[in-house]
Protein backbone atom coordinates (compact mmCIF):
# COMPACT_ATOMS: atom_id res chain seq x y z
CA UNK A 1 35.45 -187.50 -81.53
CA UNK A 2 37.79 -187.03 -79.24
CA UNK A 3 41.87 -186.88 -79.82
CA UNK A 4 43.51 -190.02 -78.07
CA UNK A 5 45.31 -189.55 -75.02
CA UNK A 6 49.14 -189.60 -76.32
CA UNK A 7 48.17 -186.75 -78.67
CA UNK A 8 46.27 -183.77 -77.92
CA UNK A 9 44.64 -181.27 -80.11
CA UNK A 10 43.20 -177.60 -79.05
CA UNK A 11 39.46 -176.62 -79.34
CA UNK A 12 40.61 -175.14 -82.93
CA UNK A 13 41.81 -178.13 -84.44
CA UNK A 14 39.24 -180.24 -83.54
CA UNK A 15 36.50 -177.98 -84.99
CA UNK A 16 38.41 -177.08 -87.88
CA UNK A 17 38.82 -181.09 -88.50
CA UNK A 18 34.66 -181.28 -87.66
CA UNK A 19 34.19 -178.47 -89.90
CA UNK A 20 35.99 -179.84 -92.98
CA UNK A 21 34.56 -183.60 -92.28
CA UNK A 22 31.08 -181.44 -92.34
CA UNK A 23 31.85 -179.94 -95.62
CA UNK A 24 33.06 -182.93 -97.46
CA UNK A 25 29.98 -184.66 -96.18
CA UNK A 26 27.73 -182.51 -97.34
CA UNK A 27 29.21 -181.72 -100.93
CA UNK A 28 29.28 -185.70 -100.83
CA UNK A 29 26.15 -185.91 -100.69
CA UNK A 30 24.97 -183.07 -102.88
CA UNK A 31 26.94 -184.92 -105.89
CA UNK A 32 25.00 -187.88 -104.88
CA UNK A 33 27.96 -189.88 -104.26
CA UNK A 34 27.96 -193.11 -101.90
CA UNK A 35 31.04 -192.94 -99.11
CA UNK A 36 32.01 -196.39 -101.07
CA UNK A 37 31.90 -194.90 -104.04
CA UNK A 38 33.91 -191.50 -102.32
CA UNK A 39 36.71 -193.90 -101.44
CA UNK A 40 37.07 -195.89 -104.47
CA UNK A 41 37.44 -191.84 -106.54
CA UNK A 42 40.10 -191.07 -104.06
CA UNK A 43 41.91 -194.03 -103.07
CA UNK A 44 40.69 -194.52 -99.39
CA UNK A 45 39.07 -197.17 -97.26
CA UNK A 46 35.27 -196.53 -96.81
CA UNK A 47 36.11 -196.57 -92.87
CA UNK A 48 38.75 -193.58 -93.87
CA UNK A 49 36.46 -191.76 -95.58
CA UNK A 50 33.54 -192.38 -92.67
CA UNK A 51 36.42 -191.06 -90.18
CA UNK A 52 37.29 -187.95 -92.01
CA UNK A 53 33.22 -187.00 -92.44
CA UNK A 54 33.17 -187.15 -88.37
CA UNK A 55 35.81 -184.90 -88.03
CA UNK A 56 38.46 -187.62 -86.85
CA UNK A 57 41.67 -185.55 -86.36
CA UNK A 58 43.86 -188.73 -86.19
CA UNK A 59 43.43 -189.01 -90.42
CA UNK A 60 45.98 -187.83 -92.50
CA UNK A 61 45.52 -184.47 -93.97
CA UNK A 62 46.65 -185.89 -97.59
CA UNK A 63 43.74 -188.11 -97.35
CA UNK A 64 41.13 -185.00 -95.89
CA UNK A 65 42.15 -183.03 -99.27
CA UNK A 66 42.07 -186.35 -101.45
CA UNK A 67 38.63 -186.85 -100.52
CA UNK A 68 37.81 -182.65 -100.41
CA UNK A 69 39.25 -182.49 -103.96
CA UNK A 70 37.08 -185.65 -105.27
CA UNK A 71 34.12 -184.34 -104.25
CA UNK A 72 34.50 -180.59 -105.57
CA UNK A 73 35.39 -178.59 -102.16
CA UNK A 74 37.14 -176.05 -102.62
CA UNK A 75 39.80 -175.42 -99.99
CA UNK A 76 41.37 -171.84 -99.32
CA UNK A 77 39.14 -170.43 -101.16
CA UNK A 78 41.70 -170.83 -104.75
CA UNK A 79 41.76 -172.18 -108.05
CA UNK A 80 44.43 -174.39 -108.82
CA UNK A 81 46.31 -171.24 -110.60
CA UNK A 82 46.46 -169.14 -107.44
CA UNK A 83 47.72 -172.13 -105.13
CA UNK A 84 50.36 -172.07 -107.77
CA UNK A 85 51.09 -168.87 -107.27
CA UNK A 86 50.72 -168.72 -103.05
CA UNK A 87 53.11 -171.48 -103.00
CA UNK A 88 55.85 -169.64 -105.01
CA UNK A 89 55.24 -166.49 -103.17
CA UNK A 90 55.59 -168.62 -99.95
CA UNK A 91 58.74 -170.15 -101.15
CA UNK A 92 60.59 -166.79 -102.06
CA UNK A 93 59.69 -165.31 -98.74
CA UNK A 94 60.79 -168.55 -96.99
CA UNK A 95 64.09 -168.38 -99.04
CA UNK A 96 64.31 -165.36 -96.93
CA UNK A 97 64.53 -166.19 -93.54
CA UNK A 98 66.75 -167.95 -91.77
CA UNK A 99 66.80 -171.62 -91.92
CA UNK A 100 66.67 -172.82 -88.24
CA UNK A 101 65.42 -170.57 -85.66
CA UNK A 102 66.82 -170.41 -81.97
CA UNK A 103 65.85 -169.40 -78.85
CA UNK A 104 67.40 -166.27 -77.34
CA UNK A 105 70.53 -167.44 -74.82
CA UNK A 106 69.46 -166.22 -71.40
CA UNK A 107 72.97 -164.54 -69.68
CA UNK A 108 73.61 -165.56 -66.20
CA UNK A 109 73.86 -163.37 -64.13
CA UNK A 110 76.44 -164.58 -61.64
CA UNK A 111 78.15 -161.53 -60.43
CA UNK A 112 77.34 -161.34 -56.85
C-alpha cells in the first residue's frame, strides 16, 4: 500500500509495516482466528485489522501492537519482564541526556 501524498514514508518503514502486518496475519491464521474475532478481542474495527495486515503505514502503532498482542506475536523478542527492564534502563539513560537538542550555531565570518 502506498502512503498518502501528504505523508511520505521511507522504503524501510513501508517494508517494516508490511512485515508486521504479514506476521500478524500469519499468527492469526495459525490460531484459526477470523479478522472479525481479532478486531473484537483487540477493540478495533475489522477494516482497521485488514489495513494493519496489508501493511498500511497510516495505521496507529498502538492498534498494530494491540493486534500483535492478541494473536500472541512477540515483538522485540522480549518477555514482559525484559520489556520492563529495558524501559527502566532507557529511562535512566534519557535522564542523563539533555532535554533539548539544538543545532550548533554557525559563526558568521564577516571580517572582510
